[in-house]
Amino acid sequence: MSVNLYHISRSAQPKSRLFTFRNIAVMSWDMLMQQNLAKYKLVM
């Protein structure tokens, strides 16, 4: 049982790491877009 859990956690780890990386990228992209929108509104 513990071996199965170990294998599951090991196989799930890279996916979750990739998922968190994608989340960080999306969050930083959203922040950039919000900053650009704020600058655009200031220009307008």
C-alpha atoms as a PDB file:
ATOM      1  CA  MET A   1       0.000   0.000   0.000  1.00  0.00           C
ATOM      2  CA  SER A   2       2.690   2.489   0.991  1.00  0.00           C
ATOM      3  CA  VAL A   3       4.647   1.587  -2.152  1.00  0.00           C
ATOM      4  CA  ASN A   4       1.584   2.361  -4.282  1.00  0.00           C
ATOM      5  CA  LEU A   5       1.131   5.730  -2.595  1.00  0.00           C
ATOM      6  CA  TYR A   6       4.829   6.437  -3.078  1.00  0.00           C
ATOM      7  CA  HIS A   7       4.606   5.690  -6.798  1.00  0.00           C
ATOM      8  CA  ILE A   8       1.436   7.778  -7.151  1.00  0.00           C
ATOM      9  CA  SER A   9       3.004  10.757  -5.372  1.00  0.00           C
ATOM     10  CA  ARG A  10       6.167  10.426  -7.470  1.00  0.00           C
ATOM     11  CA  SER A  11       4.229  10.301 -10.739  1.00  0.00           C
ATOM     12  CA  ALA A  12       2.008  13.213  -9.672  1.00  0.00           C
ATOM     13  CA  GLN A  13       4.882  15.443  -8.540  1.00  0.00           C
ATOM     14  CA  PRO A  14       6.158  16.639 -11.957  1.00  0.00           C
ATOM     15  CA  LYS A  15       2.610  17.377 -13.104  1.00  0.00           C
ATOM     16  CA  SER A  16       1.879  19.468 -10.023  1.00  0.00           C
ATOM     17  CA  ARG A  17       5.217  21.260 -10.438  1.00  0.00           C
ATOM     18  CA  LEU A  18       4.315  22.045 -14.047  1.00  0.00           C
ATOM     19  CA  PHE A  19       0.844  23.116 -12.903  1.00  0.00           C
ATOM     20  CA  THR A  20       2.225  25.506 -10.292  1.00  0.00           C
ATOM     21  CA  PHE A  21       4.673  26.901 -12.855  1.00  0.00           C
ATOM     22  CA  ARG A  22       1.768  27.489 -15.262  1.00  0.00           C
ATOM     23  CA  ASN A  23      -0.240  29.159 -12.499  1.00  0.00           C
ATOM     24  CA  ILE A  24       2.677  31.486 -11.705  1.00  0.00           C
ATOM     25  CA  ALA A  25       3.050  32.326 -15.400  1.00  0.00           C
ATOM     26  CA  VAL A  26      -0.670  33.066 -15.739  1.00  0.00           C
ATOM     27  CA  MET A  27      -0.670  35.178 -12.579  1.00  0.00           C
ATOM     28  CA  SER A  28       2.355  37.223 -13.680  1.00  0.00           C
ATOM     29  CA  TRP A  29       0.781  37.631 -17.141  1.00  0.00           C
ATOM     30  CA  ASP A  30      -2.447  38.888 -15.535  1.00  0.00           C
ATOM     31  CA  MET A  31      -0.440  41.371 -13.460  1.00  0.00           C
ATOM     32  CA  LEU A  32       1.373  42.611 -16.575  1.00  0.00           C
ATOM     33  CA  MET A  33      -1.916  42.995 -18.435  1.00  0.00           C
ATOM     34  CA  GLN A  34      -3.456  44.923 -15.537  1.00  0.00           C
ATOM     35  CA  GLN A  35      -0.439  47.246 -15.406  1.00  0.00           C
ATOM     36  CA  ASN A  36      -0.640  47.802 -19.172  1.00  0.00           C
ATOM     37  CA  LEU A  37      -4.376  48.488 -18.917  1.00  0.00           C
ATOM     38  CA  ALA A  38      -3.733  51.005 -16.128  1.00  0.00           C
ATOM     39  CA  LYS A  39      -1.087  52.782 -18.235  1.00  0.00           C
ATOM     40  CA  TYR A  40      -3.416  52.716 -21.234  1.00  0.00           C
ATOM     41  CA  LYS A  41      -6.227  54.272 -19.193  1.00  0.00           C
ATOM     42  CA  LEU A  42      -3.830  56.928 -17.904  1.00  0.00           C
ATOM     43  CA  VAL A  43      -2.823  57.727 -21.484  1.00  0.00           C
ATOM     44  CA  MET A  44      -6.449  57.897 -22.551  1.00  0.00           C
END
